[in-house]
Amino acid sequence: MDILLYLIPIALTLGVLWLGGFFWALKDGQFDDPEGSASRILFDDDGDA
């Protein structure tokens, strides 16, 4: 049971770090156009062919 004294703060710290990274990516615009990148590969916009 003594291991819980170490594991709970480690888990909380990792959760806060993940949440901070998520909000940083959200603010940075990583999730602005999730559908655009998925469908962009289907269309050939080069005009070379």
PDB file of N, CA and C in Angstrom:
ATOM      1  N   MET A   1       0.818  -1.201   0.000  1.00  0.00           N
ATOM      2  CA  MET A   1       0.000   0.000   0.000  1.00  0.00           C
ATOM      3  C   MET A   1       0.863   1.266   0.000  1.00  0.00           C
ATOM      4  N   ASP A   2       2.117   1.140   0.385  1.00  0.00           N
ATOM      5  CA  ASP A   2       2.990   2.315   0.385  1.00  0.00           C
ATOM      6  C   ASP A   2       3.296   2.799  -1.026  1.00  0.00           C
ATOM      7  N   ILE A   3       3.176   1.905  -1.993  1.00  0.00           N
ATOM      8  CA  ILE A   3       3.458   2.288  -3.376  1.00  0.00           C
ATOM      9  C   ILE A   3       2.453   3.311  -3.890  1.00  0.00           C
ATOM     10  N   LEU A   4       1.247   3.314  -3.303  1.00  0.00           N
ATOM     11  CA  LEU A   4       0.238   4.288  -3.708  1.00  0.00           C
ATOM     12  C   LEU A   4       0.669   5.715  -3.392  1.00  0.00           C
ATOM     13  N   LEU A   5       1.506   5.876  -2.391  1.00  0.00           N
ATOM     14  CA  LEU A   5       2.013   7.207  -2.061  1.00  0.00           C
ATOM     15  C   LEU A   5       2.895   7.753  -3.177  1.00  0.00           C
ATOM     16  N   TYR A   6       3.447   6.876  -3.988  1.00  0.00           N
ATOM     17  CA  TYR A   6       4.266   7.295  -5.125  1.00  0.00           C
ATOM     18  C   TYR A   6       3.453   7.331  -6.429  1.00  0.00           C
ATOM     19  N   LEU A   7       2.600   6.334  -6.605  1.00  0.00           N
ATOM     20  CA  LEU A   7       1.897   6.201  -7.880  1.00  0.00           C
ATOM     21  C   LEU A   7       0.819   7.262  -8.092  1.00  0.00           C
ATOM     22  N   ILE A   8       0.116   7.646  -7.063  1.00  0.00           N
ATOM     23  CA  ILE A   8      -0.952   8.643  -7.214  1.00  0.00           C
ATOM     24  C   ILE A   8      -0.384   9.998  -7.631  1.00  0.00           C
ATOM     25  N   PRO A   9       0.658  10.534  -6.981  1.00  0.00           N
ATOM     26  CA  PRO A   9       1.206  11.811  -7.463  1.00  0.00           C
ATOM     27  C   PRO A   9       1.817  11.715  -8.862  1.00  0.00           C
ATOM     28  N   ILE A  10       2.415  10.583  -9.197  1.00  0.00           N
ATOM     29  CA  ILE A  10       2.977  10.405 -10.541  1.00  0.00           C
ATOM     30  C   ILE A  10       1.855  10.407 -11.574  1.00  0.00           C
ATOM     31  N   ALA A  11       0.766   9.710 -11.285  1.00  0.00           N
ATOM     32  CA  ALA A  11      -0.357   9.667 -12.214  1.00  0.00           C
ATOM     33  C   ALA A  11      -0.990  11.048 -12.373  1.00  0.00           C
ATOM     34  N   LEU A  12      -1.130  11.772 -11.282  1.00  0.00           N
ATOM     35  CA  LEU A  12      -1.696  13.117 -11.362  1.00  0.00           C
ATOM     36  C   LEU A  12      -0.791  14.058 -12.142  1.00  0.00           C
ATOM     37  N   THR A  13       0.510  13.941 -11.942  1.00  0.00           N
ATOM     38  CA  THR A  13       1.463  14.781 -12.674  1.00  0.00           C
ATOM     39  C   THR A  13       1.415  14.486 -14.161  1.00  0.00           C
ATOM     40  N   LEU A  14       1.383  13.216 -14.530  1.00  0.00           N
ATOM     41  CA  LEU A  14       1.297  12.856 -15.942  1.00  0.00           C
ATOM     42  C   LEU A  14      -0.015  13.328 -16.559  1.00  0.00           C
ATOM     43  N   GLY A  15      -1.100  13.246 -15.801  1.00  0.00           N
ATOM     44  CA  GLY A  15      -2.380  13.724 -16.299  1.00  0.00           C
ATOM     45  C   GLY A  15      -2.379  15.224 -16.532  1.00  0.00           C
ATOM     46  N   VAL A  16      -1.786  15.972 -15.622  1.00  0.00           N
ATOM     47  CA  VAL A  16      -1.701  17.426 -15.778  1.00  0.00           C
ATOM     48  C   VAL A  16      -0.801  17.781 -16.955  1.00  0.00           C
ATOM     49  N   LEU A  17       0.307  17.057 -17.135  1.00  0.00           N
ATOM     50  CA  LEU A  17       1.185  17.301 -18.281  1.00  0.00           C
ATOM     51  C   LEU A  17       0.474  17.007 -19.597  1.00  0.00           C
ATOM     52  N   TRP A  18      -0.283  15.912 -19.646  1.00  0.00           N
ATOM     53  CA  TRP A  18      -1.023  15.582 -20.858  1.00  0.00           C
ATOM     54  C   TRP A  18      -2.070  16.649 -21.148  1.00  0.00           C
ATOM     55  N   LEU A  19      -2.780  17.075 -20.122  1.00  0.00           N
ATOM     56  CA  LEU A  19      -3.811  18.094 -20.307  1.00  0.00           C
ATOM     57  C   LEU A  19      -3.202  19.415 -20.764  1.00  0.00           C
ATOM     58  N   GLY A  20      -2.050  19.777 -20.208  1.00  0.00           N
ATOM     59  CA  GLY A  20      -1.356  20.982 -20.649  1.00  0.00           C
ATOM     60  C   GLY A  20      -0.911  20.878 -22.098  1.00  0.00           C
ATOM     61  N   GLY A  21      -0.403  19.709 -22.485  1.00  0.00           N
ATOM     62  CA  GLY A  21      -0.012  19.504 -23.883  1.00  0.00           C
ATOM     63  C   GLY A  21      -1.192  19.540 -24.822  1.00  0.00           C
ATOM     64  N   PHE A  22      -2.314  19.014 -24.390  1.00  0.00           N
ATOM     65  CA  PHE A  22      -3.519  19.048 -25.212  1.00  0.00           C
ATOM     66  C   PHE A  22      -4.002  20.474 -25.424  1.00  0.00           C
ATOM     67  N   PHE A  23      -4.051  21.261 -24.354  1.00  0.00           N
ATOM     68  CA  PHE A  23      -4.503  22.641 -24.487  1.00  0.00           C
ATOM     69  C   PHE A  23      -3.508  23.477 -25.285  1.00  0.00           C
ATOM     70  N   TRP A  24      -2.219  23.163 -25.181  1.00  0.00           N
ATOM     71  CA  TRP A  24      -1.210  23.862 -25.985  1.00  0.00           C
ATOM     72  C   TRP A  24      -1.423  23.560 -27.470  1.00  0.00           C
ATOM     73  N   ALA A  25      -1.677  22.291 -27.796  1.00  0.00           N
ATOM     74  CA  ALA A  25      -1.930  21.924 -29.192  1.00  0.00           C
ATOM     75  C   ALA A  25      -3.234  22.527 -29.688  1.00  0.00           C
ATOM     76  N   LEU A  26      -4.222  22.603 -28.832  1.00  0.00           N
ATOM     77  CA  LEU A  26      -5.497  23.206 -29.204  1.00  0.00           C
ATOM     78  C   LEU A  26      -5.325  24.691 -29.489  1.00  0.00           C
ATOM     79  N   LYS A  27      -4.544  25.375 -28.661  1.00  0.00           N
ATOM     80  CA  LYS A  27      -4.295  26.805 -28.862  1.00  0.00           C
ATOM     81  C   LYS A  27      -3.418  27.048 -30.085  1.00  0.00           C
ATOM     82  N   ASP A  28      -2.542  26.105 -30.383  1.00  0.00           N
ATOM     83  CA  ASP A  28      -1.619  26.236 -31.499  1.00  0.00           C
ATOM     84  C   ASP A  28      -2.284  25.959 -32.844  1.00  0.00           C
ATOM     85  N   GLY A  29      -3.523  25.458 -32.827  1.00  0.00           N
ATOM     86  CA  GLY A  29      -4.260  25.242 -34.068  1.00  0.00           C
ATOM     87  C   GLY A  29      -4.064  23.872 -34.686  1.00  0.00           C
ATOM     88  N   GLN A  30      -3.698  22.890 -33.905  1.00  0.00           N
ATOM     89  CA  GLN A  30      -3.470  21.556 -34.443  1.00  0.00           C
ATOM     90  C   GLN A  30      -4.762  20.865 -34.858  1.00  0.00           C
ATOM     91  N   PHE A  31      -5.892  21.279 -34.298  1.00  0.00           N
ATOM     92  CA  PHE A  31      -7.154  20.597 -34.550  1.00  0.00           C
ATOM     93  C   PHE A  31      -8.137  21.487 -35.302  1.00  0.00           C
ATOM     94  N   ASP A  32      -7.639  22.442 -36.069  1.00  0.00           N
ATOM     95  CA  ASP A  32      -8.516  23.370 -36.760  1.00  0.00           C
ATOM     96  C   ASP A  32      -9.280  22.715 -37.910  1.00  0.00           C
ATOM     97  N   ASP A  33      -8.624  21.886 -38.711  1.00  0.00           N
ATOM     98  CA  ASP A  33      -9.252  21.291 -39.884  1.00  0.00           C
ATOM     99  C   ASP A  33      -8.972  19.790 -39.931  1.00  0.00           C
ATOM    100  N   PRO A  34      -9.653  19.008 -39.104  1.00  0.00           N
ATOM    101  CA  PRO A  34      -9.361  17.569 -39.094  1.00  0.00           C
ATOM    102  C   PRO A  34      -9.844  16.846 -40.354  1.00  0.00           C
ATOM    103  N   GLU A  35     -10.848  17.359 -41.036  1.00  0.00           N
ATOM    104  CA  GLU A  35     -11.363  16.694 -42.232  1.00  0.00           C
ATOM    105  C   GLU A  35     -10.557  17.056 -43.476  1.00  0.00           C
ATOM    106  N   GLY A  36      -9.931  18.206 -43.489  1.00  0.00           N
ATOM    107  CA  GLY A  36      -9.197  18.649 -44.668  1.00  0.00           C
ATOM    108  C   GLY A  36      -8.012  17.763 -44.993  1.00  0.00           C
ATOM    109  N   SER A  37      -7.236  17.400 -43.988  1.00  0.00           N
ATOM    110  CA  SER A  37      -6.069  16.562 -44.218  1.00  0.00           C
ATOM    111  C   SER A  37      -6.477  15.153 -44.627  1.00  0.00           C
ATOM    112  N   ALA A  38      -7.582  14.685 -44.108  1.00  0.00           N
ATOM    113  CA  ALA A  38      -8.027  13.328 -44.438  1.00  0.00           C
ATOM    114  C   ALA A  38      -8.498  13.227 -45.881  1.00  0.00           C
ATOM    115  N   SER A  39      -9.120  14.265 -46.393  1.00  0.00           N
ATOM    116  CA  SER A  39      -9.629  14.192 -47.764  1.00  0.00           C
ATOM    117  C   SER A  39      -8.669  14.784 -48.789  1.00  0.00           C
ATOM    118  N   ARG A  40      -7.653  15.476 -48.356  1.00  0.00           N
ATOM    119  CA  ARG A  40      -6.698  16.091 -49.275  1.00  0.00           C
ATOM    120  C   ARG A  40      -5.922  15.048 -50.068  1.00  0.00           C
ATOM    121  N   ILE A  41      -5.705  13.884 -49.481  1.00  0.00           N
ATOM    122  CA  ILE A  41      -4.939  12.848 -50.167  1.00  0.00           C
ATOM    123  C   ILE A  41      -5.729  12.246 -51.326  1.00  0.00           C
ATOM    124  N   LEU A  42      -7.050  12.410 -51.322  1.00  0.00           N
ATOM    125  CA  LEU A  42      -7.880  11.799 -52.358  1.00  0.00           C
ATOM    126  C   LEU A  42      -7.889  12.596 -53.657  1.00  0.00           C
ATOM    127  N   PHE A  43      -7.496  13.863 -53.626  1.00  0.00           N
ATOM    128  CA  PHE A  43      -7.593  14.713 -54.794  1.00  0.00           C
ATOM    129  C   PHE A  43      -6.209  15.073 -55.321  1.00  0.00           C
ATOM    130  N   ASP A  44      -6.079  15.084 -56.649  1.00  0.00           N
ATOM    131  CA  ASP A  44      -4.809  15.424 -57.286  1.00  0.00           C
ATOM    132  C   ASP A  44      -4.881  16.872 -57.756  1.00  0.00           C
ATOM    133  N   ASP A  45      -4.256  17.759 -57.019  1.00  0.00           N
ATOM    134  CA  ASP A  45      -4.301  19.179 -57.335  1.00  0.00           C
ATOM    135  C   ASP A  45      -3.023  19.655 -58.039  1.00  0.00           C
ATOM    136  N   ASP A  46      -2.168  18.724 -58.450  1.00  0.00           N
ATOM    137  CA  ASP A  46      -0.904  19.111 -59.080  1.00  0.00           C
ATOM    138  C   ASP A  46      -1.121  19.774 -60.431  1.00  0.00           C
ATOM    139  N   GLY A  47      -1.993  19.234 -61.249  1.00  0.00           N
ATOM    140  CA  GLY A  47      -2.229  19.747 -62.575  1.00  0.00           C
ATOM    141  C   GLY A  47      -1.188  19.276 -63.579  1.00  0.00           C
ATOM    142  N   ASP A  48      -0.246  18.439 -63.133  1.00  0.00           N
ATOM    143  CA  ASP A  48       0.815  17.938 -64.013  1.00  0.00           C
ATOM    144  C   ASP A  48       0.329  16.752 -64.853  1.00  0.00           C
ATOM    145  N   ALA A  49      -0.657  16.044 -64.372  1.00  0.00           N
ATOM    146  CA  ALA A  49      -1.067  14.820 -65.052  1.00  0.00           C
ATOM    147  C   ALA A  49      -2.030  15.071 -66.179  1.00  0.00           C
TER     148      ALA A  49
END
